[in-house]
Protein backbone atom coordinates (compact mmCIF):
# COMPACT_ATOMS: atom_id res chain seq x y z
CA MET A 1 0.75 -0.23 0.06
CA VAL A 2 1.62 3.92 -1.06
CA ARG A 3 1.88 5.54 2.31
CA GLN A 4 -0.65 8.79 2.47
CA HIS A 5 -0.33 9.63 6.26
CA ILE A 6 2.56 12.10 6.19
CA LEU A 7 0.14 14.43 4.04
CA TYR A 8 -2.96 14.77 6.43
CA ASP A 9 -1.08 16.13 9.41
CA GLY A 10 -2.49 19.15 10.94
CA MET A 11 -4.19 19.88 7.93
CA ASN A 12 -8.22 19.18 9.26
CA ASP A 13 -8.90 22.46 11.71
CA ASN A 14 -8.80 25.67 9.56
CA ILE A 15 -11.33 27.66 7.90
CA VAL A 16 -10.48 26.49 4.11
CA ASN A 17 -11.18 23.26 5.11
CA GLN A 18 -14.37 24.04 6.81
CA ILE A 19 -15.05 26.23 2.92
CA TYR A 20 -14.12 23.69 1.11
CA TYR A 21 -13.34 20.34 2.43
CA TYR A 22 -10.16 20.52 1.20
CA ASP A 23 -9.22 17.32 3.51
CA VAL A 24 -11.77 14.93 1.74
CA ARG A 25 -10.43 16.16 -1.51
CA LEU A 26 -6.95 15.38 -0.49
CA ARG A 27 -8.30 11.76 0.64
CA ASN A 28 -10.05 11.24 -2.83
CA ALA A 29 -7.19 12.32 -5.16
CA LEU A 30 -4.88 9.46 -2.84
CA LYS A 31 -7.60 7.50 -3.34
CA LEU A 32 -7.69 7.45 -6.75
CA LEU A 33 -3.82 7.60 -7.38
CA GLU A 34 -3.52 4.28 -4.84
CA GLU A 35 -6.12 2.69 -6.68
CA SER A 36 -5.25 2.97 -10.10
CA GLY A 37 -3.44 0.40 -11.77
CA LYS A 38 -1.98 2.15 -14.96
CA ILE A 39 0.33 3.41 -12.53
CA SER A 40 3.40 1.76 -11.84
CA LEU A 41 4.74 1.80 -7.74
CA ASP A 42 7.75 3.58 -8.39
CA ASP A 43 6.34 6.50 -10.31
CA LYS A 44 3.43 6.39 -7.50
CA ARG A 45 5.88 7.09 -4.81
CA ALA A 46 7.66 9.84 -7.10
CA ILE A 47 4.15 11.45 -6.77
CA LEU A 48 3.72 11.16 -3.02
CA GLU A 49 7.08 12.22 -2.63
CA PHE A 50 6.85 15.35 -4.78
CA THR A 51 3.21 16.52 -2.76
CA GLU A 52 5.57 15.13 0.56
CA HIS A 53 8.19 17.96 -0.22
CA LEU A 54 5.31 20.90 -0.96
CA ARG A 55 3.99 20.21 2.02
CA SER A 56 6.61 20.30 3.87
CA MET A 57 6.82 24.07 2.37
CA GLY A 58 4.03 24.95 3.40
CA VAL A 59 1.96 24.49 -0.03
CA SER A 60 -1.92 24.39 0.56
CA VAL A 61 -4.16 20.99 1.02
CA GLY A 62 -5.87 22.21 -2.33
CA ARG A 63 -3.38 22.85 -4.15
CA LEU A 64 -1.74 19.33 -3.35
CA ALA A 65 -4.92 17.65 -3.90
CA LYS A 66 -5.16 19.79 -7.41
CA TYR A 67 -1.04 18.52 -7.73
CA LEU A 68 -2.04 14.79 -7.01
CA PHE A 69 -4.96 15.17 -9.42
CA HIS A 70 -3.54 16.10 -12.37
CA LEU A 71 0.33 14.20 -11.85
CA ARG A 72 -2.26 11.26 -12.58
CA VAL A 73 -4.21 11.75 -15.48
CA PHE A 74 -0.92 12.92 -16.62
CA ARG A 75 0.73 9.38 -15.81
CA GLU A 76 -2.07 7.19 -16.57
CA TRP A 77 -2.21 9.16 -20.33
CA LEU A 78 1.14 8.64 -20.49
CA GLY A 79 1.24 4.61 -20.00
CA ARG A 80 5.16 4.97 -19.21
CA ASN A 81 7.03 5.64 -16.43
CA PHE A 82 7.88 9.65 -15.82
CA ARG A 83 11.10 9.23 -16.45
CA ASP A 84 10.78 7.65 -19.74
CA ALA A 85 9.04 10.42 -21.38
CA SER A 86 9.97 12.75 -24.07
CA ARG A 87 9.58 15.89 -25.34
CA LYS A 88 7.05 15.19 -28.12
CA ASP A 89 5.28 12.84 -25.52
CA LEU A 90 4.82 16.16 -22.91
CA GLU A 91 3.72 18.53 -26.50
CA ARG A 92 1.28 15.94 -27.22
CA PHE A 93 -0.07 15.43 -23.51
CA MET A 94 -0.79 19.62 -23.77
CA VAL A 95 -2.02 19.08 -27.03
CA PHE A 96 -4.55 16.84 -26.12
CA ALA A 97 -5.35 19.07 -23.07
CA ARG A 98 -6.36 22.05 -25.17
CA GLU A 99 -8.60 20.52 -26.69
CA ARG A 100 -10.28 19.12 -23.17
CA TYR A 101 -9.94 22.13 -21.05
CA LEU A 102 -10.22 25.53 -19.60
CA PRO A 103 -7.02 27.42 -21.06
CA ARG A 104 -6.58 28.41 -17.13
CA THR A 105 -6.84 24.74 -16.48
CA VAL A 106 -4.33 23.40 -19.18
CA GLU A 107 -1.63 26.56 -17.98
CA ASP A 108 -2.46 24.54 -14.78
CA TYR A 109 -1.07 21.29 -15.80
CA GLY A 110 1.82 22.26 -17.62
CA PHE A 111 3.12 24.13 -13.99
CA THR A 112 1.92 20.61 -12.29
CA ILE A 113 4.22 18.73 -14.76
CA LYS A 114 7.34 21.23 -14.90
CA ARG A 115 7.26 21.17 -11.36
CA PHE A 116 7.48 17.65 -10.86
CA TYR A 117 9.78 16.99 -13.15
CA LYS A 118 12.18 19.66 -11.89
CA PHE A 119 11.67 17.75 -8.23
CA LEU A 120 12.12 13.87 -9.85
CA TYR A 121 15.26 15.02 -11.92
CA TYR A 122 17.15 17.83 -8.59
CA GLY A 123 15.25 16.45 -5.43
CA ASN A 124 13.69 20.09 -5.10
CA VAL A 125 12.08 22.34 -6.72
CA ASP A 126 13.69 25.66 -5.45
CA LYS A 127 14.02 28.80 -7.58
CA ASP A 128 17.43 28.79 -8.03
CA THR A 129 17.72 24.91 -9.55
CA PRO A 130 17.23 25.31 -13.49
CA TRP A 131 14.84 23.32 -15.15
CA PRO A 132 15.41 20.46 -16.90
CA GLU A 133 15.04 20.57 -20.41
CA LEU A 134 12.31 18.31 -21.37
CA VAL A 135 9.90 20.92 -19.67
CA LYS A 136 12.30 24.00 -19.69
CA TRP A 137 9.84 24.88 -22.95
CA ILE A 138 6.80 24.88 -20.84
CA LYS A 139 5.62 28.45 -20.52
CA LYS A 140 2.98 30.40 -19.32
CA SER A 141 0.67 31.93 -21.96
CA GLY A 142 0.92 35.47 -19.95
CA LYS A 143 -1.87 37.03 -22.25
CA LEU A 144 -4.03 39.27 -20.80
CA SER A 145 -6.94 39.36 -23.29
CA GLU A 146 -11.43 39.22 -23.12
CA LYS A 147 -11.02 36.03 -24.53
CA ASN A 148 -9.83 34.54 -21.60
CA MET A 149 -11.51 36.42 -18.97
CA PRO A 150 -14.93 34.41 -17.93
CA GLU A 151 -18.44 35.95 -17.85
CA PHE A 152 -19.28 38.80 -15.16
CA LEU A 153 -22.22 39.59 -13.19
CA THR A 154 -23.73 43.44 -14.35
CA SER A 155 -24.51 45.37 -11.66
CA ARG A 156 -28.13 44.98 -12.66
CA GLU A 157 -27.92 41.48 -12.92
CA VAL A 158 -26.48 41.06 -8.93
CA GLN A 159 -29.77 43.62 -7.89
CA ARG A 160 -32.08 41.46 -9.02
CA MET A 161 -30.71 38.02 -7.85
CA ILE A 162 -30.54 40.35 -4.47
CA GLU A 163 -34.29 41.00 -5.15
CA VAL A 164 -35.14 37.32 -5.76
CA ALA A 165 -32.81 35.51 -3.41
CA ASP A 166 -34.58 33.42 -0.45
CA LYS A 167 -32.66 34.47 2.85
CA LEU A 168 -31.47 37.83 4.39
CA ARG A 169 -27.88 35.58 4.36
CA ASP A 170 -28.28 35.19 1.14
CA LYS A 171 -28.98 38.64 0.02
CA VAL A 172 -26.05 40.31 2.36
CA MET A 173 -23.38 38.06 0.50
CA LEU A 174 -24.91 38.85 -2.64
CA ALA A 175 -24.39 42.30 -1.84
CA VAL A 176 -21.42 42.25 0.01
CA GLY A 177 -19.35 39.54 -1.90
CA TYR A 178 -20.08 42.29 -5.49
CA GLU A 179 -19.15 45.58 -3.75
CA ALA A 180 -15.88 44.02 -2.21
CA GLY A 181 -14.89 41.29 -5.30
CA LEU A 182 -14.20 39.11 -2.44
CA ARG A 183 -12.69 35.63 -3.64
CA ALA A 184 -14.57 32.73 -2.88
CA SER A 185 -12.70 32.14 0.39
CA GLU A 186 -12.31 35.72 1.53
CA LEU A 187 -16.14 35.70 1.64
CA LEU A 188 -17.22 32.33 3.41
CA GLY A 189 -13.81 33.00 5.82
CA LEU A 190 -15.43 36.36 7.15
CA ASN A 191 -16.53 35.59 10.49
CA VAL A 192 -18.27 37.89 13.15
CA GLY A 193 -15.77 39.92 14.45
CA ASP A 194 -14.45 41.18 11.22
CA VAL A 195 -17.25 42.96 10.86
CA SER A 196 -17.32 46.64 11.64
CA PHE A 197 -19.35 49.92 11.45
CA ASP A 198 -18.74 53.87 11.21
CA SER A 199 -20.18 56.94 9.90
CA LEU A 200 -19.44 55.51 6.39
CA GLY A 201 -21.17 52.48 6.16
CA ALA A 202 -19.31 49.55 7.28
CA ARG A 203 -15.48 47.61 7.11
CA ILE A 204 -15.14 44.03 6.75
CA ARG A 205 -11.36 42.39 7.82
CA VAL A 206 -10.29 39.88 4.52
CA ARG A 207 -7.75 37.12 5.09
CA GLY A 208 -6.94 36.19 1.73
CA LYS A 209 -4.00 34.28 -0.80
CA THR A 210 -1.67 38.03 -0.16
CA GLY A 211 -2.82 38.61 3.21
CA GLU A 212 -5.02 40.67 5.46
CA ARG A 213 -6.62 43.53 4.16
CA ILE A 214 -9.48 45.86 5.44
CA VAL A 215 -12.24 46.24 2.79
CA ARG A 216 -14.39 49.62 2.99
CA LEU A 217 -18.88 48.78 2.50
CA ILE A 218 -21.09 51.69 1.83
CA SER A 219 -23.72 49.96 -0.60
CA SER A 220 -24.47 46.69 0.95
CA ALA A 221 -23.77 48.32 4.54
CA PRO A 222 -27.02 48.77 5.46
CA LEU A 223 -28.37 45.11 4.58
CA LEU A 224 -25.70 43.96 6.22
CA ALA A 225 -26.59 46.37 9.46
CA ARG A 226 -30.17 43.97 9.60
CA TYR A 227 -28.75 41.14 8.87
CA MET A 228 -26.05 41.84 11.78
CA GLU A 229 -28.94 42.39 14.00
CA GLU A 230 -30.64 39.14 13.86
CA HIS A 231 -27.14 37.21 13.44
CA PRO A 232 -28.00 34.27 15.67
CA PHE A 233 -24.35 34.76 16.97
CA LYS A 234 -24.04 38.84 16.97
CA ASN A 235 -22.11 38.41 20.46
CA GLU A 236 -20.02 35.89 19.43
CA PRO A 237 -16.84 37.08 17.12
CA ASN A 238 -15.42 33.76 15.99
CA ARG A 239 -18.28 32.14 14.61
CA PRO A 240 -19.10 32.28 10.88
CA LEU A 241 -20.91 35.42 9.47
CA TRP A 242 -22.24 32.92 7.16
CA PRO A 243 -23.97 29.99 9.10
CA SER A 244 -25.18 27.18 7.03
CA TYR A 245 -28.91 26.70 7.79
CA ALA A 246 -28.45 23.00 6.78
CA THR A 247 -30.06 20.47 10.00
CA ASN A 248 -26.96 18.67 9.30
CA ARG A 249 -24.26 21.44 9.64
CA ARG A 250 -26.67 24.05 11.36
CA GLY A 251 -24.23 26.91 12.78
CA LEU A 252 -21.44 25.45 10.93
CA ARG A 253 -19.43 27.49 8.52
CA LEU A 254 -21.45 27.81 4.95
CA SER A 255 -19.32 25.76 2.49
CA TYR A 256 -18.37 26.41 -1.34
CA ALA A 257 -20.61 23.47 -2.54
CA SER A 258 -23.54 24.65 -0.49
CA TRP A 259 -22.47 28.50 -1.53
CA SER A 260 -22.49 27.22 -5.38
CA ARG A 261 -26.04 25.83 -4.81
CA VAL A 262 -27.54 29.33 -3.50
CA LEU A 263 -25.85 31.63 -6.54
CA LYS A 264 -26.79 28.62 -8.97
CA LYS A 265 -30.42 28.94 -7.29
CA THR A 266 -30.93 32.52 -7.65
CA ALA A 267 -29.66 32.90 -10.66
CA SER A 268 -32.10 30.91 -12.03
CA LYS A 269 -34.86 32.49 -10.45
CA ALA A 270 -33.64 35.96 -11.46
CA GLY A 271 -34.13 34.97 -15.12
CA ILE A 272 -29.74 34.95 -15.66
CA MET A 273 -28.89 32.31 -18.12
CA LYS A 274 -25.68 32.16 -17.41
CA ARG A 275 -23.25 29.41 -15.38
CA VAL A 276 -22.80 31.68 -12.28
CA HIS A 277 -20.34 30.79 -9.69
CA ASN A 278 -18.68 33.09 -6.56
CA HIS A 279 -15.66 34.78 -8.93
CA MET A 280 -18.56 36.28 -11.63
CA LEU A 281 -18.87 38.55 -8.55
CA ARG A 282 -15.58 39.43 -8.11
CA HIS A 283 -15.04 40.01 -11.85
CA GLY A 284 -17.96 42.15 -12.16
CA SER A 285 -16.92 44.38 -9.05
CA ALA A 286 -13.78 44.62 -10.72
CA THR A 287 -14.96 45.21 -14.24
CA GLU A 288 -16.95 48.35 -12.50
CA ALA A 289 -14.60 49.69 -10.56
CA ALA A 290 -12.20 50.18 -13.07
CA LYS A 291 -14.01 52.71 -14.58
CA TYR A 292 -13.30 54.97 -11.69
CA LEU A 293 -10.20 53.10 -9.71
CA THR A 294 -6.12 53.71 -10.43
CA GLU A 295 -4.93 50.71 -10.76
CA HIS A 296 -3.06 51.00 -7.57
CA GLU A 297 -6.30 51.54 -5.64
CA MET A 298 -7.85 48.30 -7.51
CA LYS A 299 -4.19 46.78 -6.26
CA VAL A 300 -5.45 47.27 -2.96
CA LYS A 301 -9.25 46.61 -2.94
CA TYR A 302 -8.52 43.25 -4.71
CA GLY A 303 -5.41 42.04 -3.01
CA TRP A 304 -3.01 41.40 -5.75
CA THR A 305 0.71 42.06 -5.72
CA GLY A 306 1.93 44.87 -6.67
CA GLY A 307 3.64 43.36 -9.71
CA SER A 308 0.05 42.35 -10.74
CA ARG A 309 -1.13 42.72 -14.06
CA MET A 310 -4.87 41.78 -13.00
CA PRO A 311 -5.76 45.89 -12.92
CA GLU A 312 -5.04 46.25 -16.54
CA VAL A 313 -7.27 43.82 -17.74
CA TYR A 314 -10.40 45.32 -16.23
CA VAL A 315 -9.09 48.82 -17.55
CA HIS A 316 -9.29 47.11 -21.10
CA LEU A 317 -12.40 45.51 -20.62
CA SER A 318 -14.03 48.89 -19.07
CA SER A 319 -12.46 50.73 -22.18
CA ARG A 320 -11.87 54.02 -19.80
CA ASP A 321 -8.41 55.59 -21.10
CA LEU A 322 -10.63 54.79 -25.25
CA ASP A 323 -13.45 56.74 -23.25
CA GLU A 324 -11.28 59.64 -22.02
CA LYS A 325 -9.06 60.06 -25.46
CA LEU A 326 -12.20 60.04 -27.72
CA ALA A 327 -14.11 62.80 -25.64
CA LYS A 328 -11.47 64.67 -25.75
CA ILE A 329 -10.63 64.41 -29.63
CA TYR A 330 -14.40 64.42 -30.39
CA ALA A 331 -15.81 66.28 -27.99
CA GLY A 332 -13.53 68.92 -26.89
CA ARG A 333 -14.01 67.70 -22.69
CA VAL A 334 -13.12 65.75 -19.80
CA LEU A 335 -15.77 62.78 -18.98
CA GLU A 336 -17.29 63.06 -15.85
CA PRO A 337 -15.94 60.52 -13.40
CA ALA A 338 -17.85 57.33 -13.58
CA LYS A 339 -19.45 56.56 -10.33
CA PRO A 340 -20.11 53.02 -9.46
CA GLU A 341 -23.82 51.73 -10.52
CA PHE A 342 -23.99 49.41 -7.53
CA SER A 343 -25.13 52.89 -5.08
CA PRO A 344 -26.86 53.07 -2.07
CA ILE A 345 -31.02 54.47 -2.59
CA LEU A 346 -31.81 57.24 -0.49
CA CYS A 347 -36.12 56.01 0.56
CA PRO A 348 -37.81 59.57 -0.66
CA LYS A 349 -39.61 59.00 1.98
CA CYS A 350 -37.91 58.72 5.05
CA GLY A 351 -33.56 59.81 3.32
CA GLU A 352 -32.87 56.49 4.94
CA LYS A 353 -29.88 54.41 2.54
CA ASN A 354 -30.35 50.99 0.63
CA THR A 355 -28.88 48.57 -0.35
CA PRO A 356 -29.73 48.20 -4.42
CA GLY A 357 -32.03 45.04 -4.62
CA GLN A 358 -34.62 45.87 -1.90
CA LYS A 359 -37.64 46.47 -3.23
CA TYR A 360 -38.61 48.36 0.30
CA CYS A 361 -36.93 50.62 2.45
CA GLY A 362 -35.71 49.14 5.60
CA ARG A 363 -36.49 52.11 8.68
CA CYS A 364 -40.37 52.54 7.05
CA GLY A 365 -40.97 50.13 4.42
CA THR A 366 -41.71 52.51 1.15
CA PRO A 367 -41.72 51.42 -2.12
CA LEU A 368 -38.19 51.98 -3.53
CA ASP A 369 -38.52 49.64 -7.08
CA LYS A 370 -40.42 51.83 -9.88
CA SER A 371 -42.22 48.80 -11.32
CA VAL A 372 -43.90 48.81 -7.07
CA LEU A 373 -44.44 52.16 -6.71
CA GLU A 374 -46.26 52.40 -10.47
CA LYS A 375 -47.90 49.17 -9.78
CA GLY A 376 -48.88 50.85 -6.39
CA SER A 377 -50.24 53.86 -8.37
CA VAL A 378 -52.19 51.97 -11.16
CA GLU A 379 -53.99 49.40 -7.74
CA ILE A 380 -54.71 52.99 -6.39
CA GLU A 381 -56.37 54.44 -9.10
CA MET A 382 -58.17 50.95 -9.19
CA LEU A 383 -59.69 51.32 -5.56
CA LYS A 384 -60.51 54.95 -6.03
CA LYS A 385 -62.80 54.05 -9.45
CA GLU A 386 -64.48 51.07 -7.10
CA ILE A 387 -64.81 53.63 -4.90
CA MET A 388 -66.52 56.13 -6.75
CA GLU A 389 -68.70 53.10 -8.71
CA LEU A 390 -69.52 52.42 -5.57
CA LYS A 391 -71.12 55.62 -3.99
CA GLU A 392 -72.69 55.80 -7.16
CA LEU A 393 -74.67 52.36 -6.63
CA LEU A 394 -75.42 53.33 -3.15
CA LYS A 395 -76.86 56.77 -4.16
CA LYS A 396 -79.26 54.80 -6.62
CA ALA A 397 -80.26 52.44 -4.01
CA ALA A 398 -81.21 55.61 -1.70
CA GLU A 399 -82.69 57.58 -4.52
CA ASN A 400 -84.82 53.89 -5.30
CA ALA A 401 -85.73 53.60 -1.41
CA LEU A 402 -87.20 56.69 -1.02
């Protein structure tokens, strides 16, 4: 039997595993590797030694599971021992991968194979260690283009989803997730104590892949405040901000799988014909923010590293620079700074700020949605007409009685 236990040491009791069940995914990946009849025992051991080495370097459980999965698929496709592979074999596999997977997944396979062969040949994956000639040619595409970008949710689509979401928790998660543009692990990993309120709205402490940061919330703050008042653990700072309502997980942290189901169900209910997932909230948020934030400000807000080129992609998608230049050339004017579409809605009656997507004011109950107002106006006119007709009938009845 292939040795597995080293990979499990001390990795079950953490927030990421609560969200993604990474420990389960790792066990499944190891089980599939062990049960594979297409991989030699030597190569199974090589894969395990590679993952154990990465684990000692602090590589996350989720990435270990991904490496195990990718290497098993590659080795089963290869049909021969790793050390017997040629460059032609690797080139054929990359063609095979491009025909079946998204560009990001293809890059993941390439990087996994490249890193694995460095360990196989040299016993480490240090930056100073050269790449073996066999895999040296494998490179990331490095292309930042709209074609490589997945679909995103627009502000209007998010507002529709907030409007039709079944639970207050789901409405708030949509609003916060979109305004803050959080990664799934950042959103689901929030605790009650990570939220604070001030005169501008709210602030949340986010723990992401690039460290901890504070994100300002304005539009979603009113709905978040209402949710915090009703939160079952509002006085327990270390409890999950988004607890599960499922019978077998009540009070525990909402998992990624459960959140994905909520998103798909709510999108369908809102009539959105897209394969909705959490990253579409982040992409939509960043695409809108690129219209009014600088690239540096976007890096701070979305938790990108200083050298990240992601802001360039969103500025490109928003056409911000082009719009400004064309306005100067053809109209001889400077465009007004763009404002967020996902902005608080002021109640026309009491002046309360409300989160976009709410139909009624959270303070006084006044309708905020135009369709609701129009429907109410029509119903009032119909009621007035019915009252007038009733008065006429009563008047005639009184005259006949005389």
